[in-house]
């Protein structure tokens, strides 16, 4: 397994950052456009799961941290996965 971590600073506050992430992520997951199969939401973020990977999203008042353990074929594309997460967070938290 390959582990990646993405940190993205924001000035939205925890509740607003989580609201934006959830609003954008849930339709993507439901439609199959995201490689994540499910997100189990918590007070501070979410647990992420897919076929060969798992991770967490942790949100504070000033930062979002996504940590993922990538397995199988996805592990070979860890640089692309990290970039995709960065792009998603950047667009979502603007």
Protein backbone atom coordinates (compact mmCIF):
# COMPACT_ATOMS: atom_id res chain seq x y z
CA UNK A 1 0.00 0.00 0.00
CA UNK A 2 1.08 3.55 -0.73
CA UNK A 3 0.13 6.35 1.66
CA UNK A 4 -0.52 9.91 0.51
CA UNK A 5 -1.39 13.01 2.50
CA UNK A 6 -2.88 16.26 1.25
CA UNK A 7 -3.10 19.38 3.42
CA UNK A 8 -5.13 22.39 2.32
CA UNK A 9 -5.43 25.57 4.35
CA UNK A 10 -8.73 27.46 4.34
CA UNK A 11 -10.38 30.39 6.10
CA UNK A 12 -13.98 29.12 6.06
CA UNK A 13 -14.26 27.60 9.50
CA UNK A 14 -14.78 23.87 10.07
CA UNK A 15 -18.56 23.76 9.60
CA UNK A 16 -18.55 25.64 6.28
CA UNK A 17 -15.59 23.71 4.89
CA UNK A 18 -17.27 20.39 5.72
CA UNK A 19 -20.57 21.59 4.25
CA UNK A 20 -18.90 22.51 0.96
CA UNK A 21 -16.95 19.25 0.75
CA UNK A 22 -20.01 17.16 1.53
CA UNK A 23 -22.22 19.08 -0.92
CA UNK A 24 -19.74 18.54 -3.75
CA UNK A 25 -18.53 15.01 -2.88
CA UNK A 26 -21.81 13.18 -2.26
CA UNK A 27 -23.26 13.63 -5.78
CA UNK A 28 -19.91 12.63 -7.33
CA UNK A 29 -19.80 9.43 -5.27
CA UNK A 30 -23.47 8.60 -5.90
CA UNK A 31 -23.04 8.99 -9.67
CA UNK A 32 -19.84 6.94 -9.76
CA UNK A 33 -17.70 9.87 -10.98
CA UNK A 34 -15.42 9.59 -7.94
CA UNK A 35 -13.10 6.66 -7.21
CA UNK A 36 -14.43 6.64 -3.64
CA UNK A 37 -17.22 4.15 -2.99
CA UNK A 38 -18.38 5.59 0.31
CA UNK A 39 -17.81 8.37 2.82
CA UNK A 40 -18.88 7.85 6.43
CA UNK A 41 -19.29 11.36 7.84
CA UNK A 42 -18.15 12.23 11.35
CA UNK A 43 -18.20 15.44 13.36
CA UNK A 44 -14.68 16.30 12.17
CA UNK A 45 -14.61 14.83 8.67
CA UNK A 46 -15.13 11.45 7.06
CA UNK A 47 -13.82 7.93 6.61
CA UNK A 48 -13.29 7.12 2.93
CA UNK A 49 -13.41 3.66 1.37
CA UNK A 50 -13.03 2.16 -2.07
CA UNK A 51 -12.23 -1.29 -3.45
CA UNK A 52 -8.51 -1.30 -2.58
CA UNK A 53 -8.06 1.93 -0.65
CA UNK A 54 -9.12 3.67 2.53
CA UNK A 55 -8.54 7.01 4.14
CA UNK A 56 -9.69 9.85 6.31
CA UNK A 57 -10.65 13.45 5.81
CA UNK A 58 -10.07 15.63 8.87
CA UNK A 59 -11.27 19.21 8.96
CA UNK A 60 -10.29 21.93 11.42
CA UNK A 61 -11.19 25.62 11.44
CA UNK A 62 -8.14 26.36 9.27
CA UNK A 63 -7.11 23.19 7.42
CA UNK A 64 -8.35 20.04 5.70
CA UNK A 65 -6.13 16.97 5.82
CA UNK A 66 -6.81 13.94 3.63
CA UNK A 67 -4.76 10.82 4.31
CA UNK A 68 -5.23 7.81 2.08
CA UNK A 69 -3.75 4.33 1.88
CA UNK A 70 -3.89 3.28 -1.75
CA UNK A 71 -3.74 -0.35 -2.76
CA UNK A 72 -3.80 -2.29 -6.00
CA UNK A 73 -3.58 -0.43 -9.29
CA UNK A 74 -4.46 2.89 -7.63
CA UNK A 75 -1.17 2.76 -5.68
CA UNK A 76 0.67 2.99 -9.00
CA UNK A 77 -1.14 6.26 -9.70
CA UNK A 78 -0.52 7.89 -6.30
CA UNK A 79 0.84 11.12 -7.81
CA UNK A 80 -2.30 11.51 -9.92
CA UNK A 81 -4.53 10.66 -6.96
CA UNK A 82 -2.80 13.28 -4.81
CA UNK A 83 -3.20 15.90 -7.55
CA UNK A 84 -6.90 15.06 -7.97
CA UNK A 85 -7.50 15.49 -4.22
CA UNK A 86 -5.60 18.81 -4.21
CA UNK A 87 -7.62 20.09 -7.18
CA UNK A 88 -10.92 19.02 -5.61
CA UNK A 89 -10.13 20.72 -2.30
CA UNK A 90 -8.84 23.88 -3.95
CA UNK A 91 -12.00 24.31 -6.05
CA UNK A 92 -14.28 23.38 -3.17
CA UNK A 93 -12.71 25.61 -0.53
CA UNK A 94 -12.24 28.75 -2.67
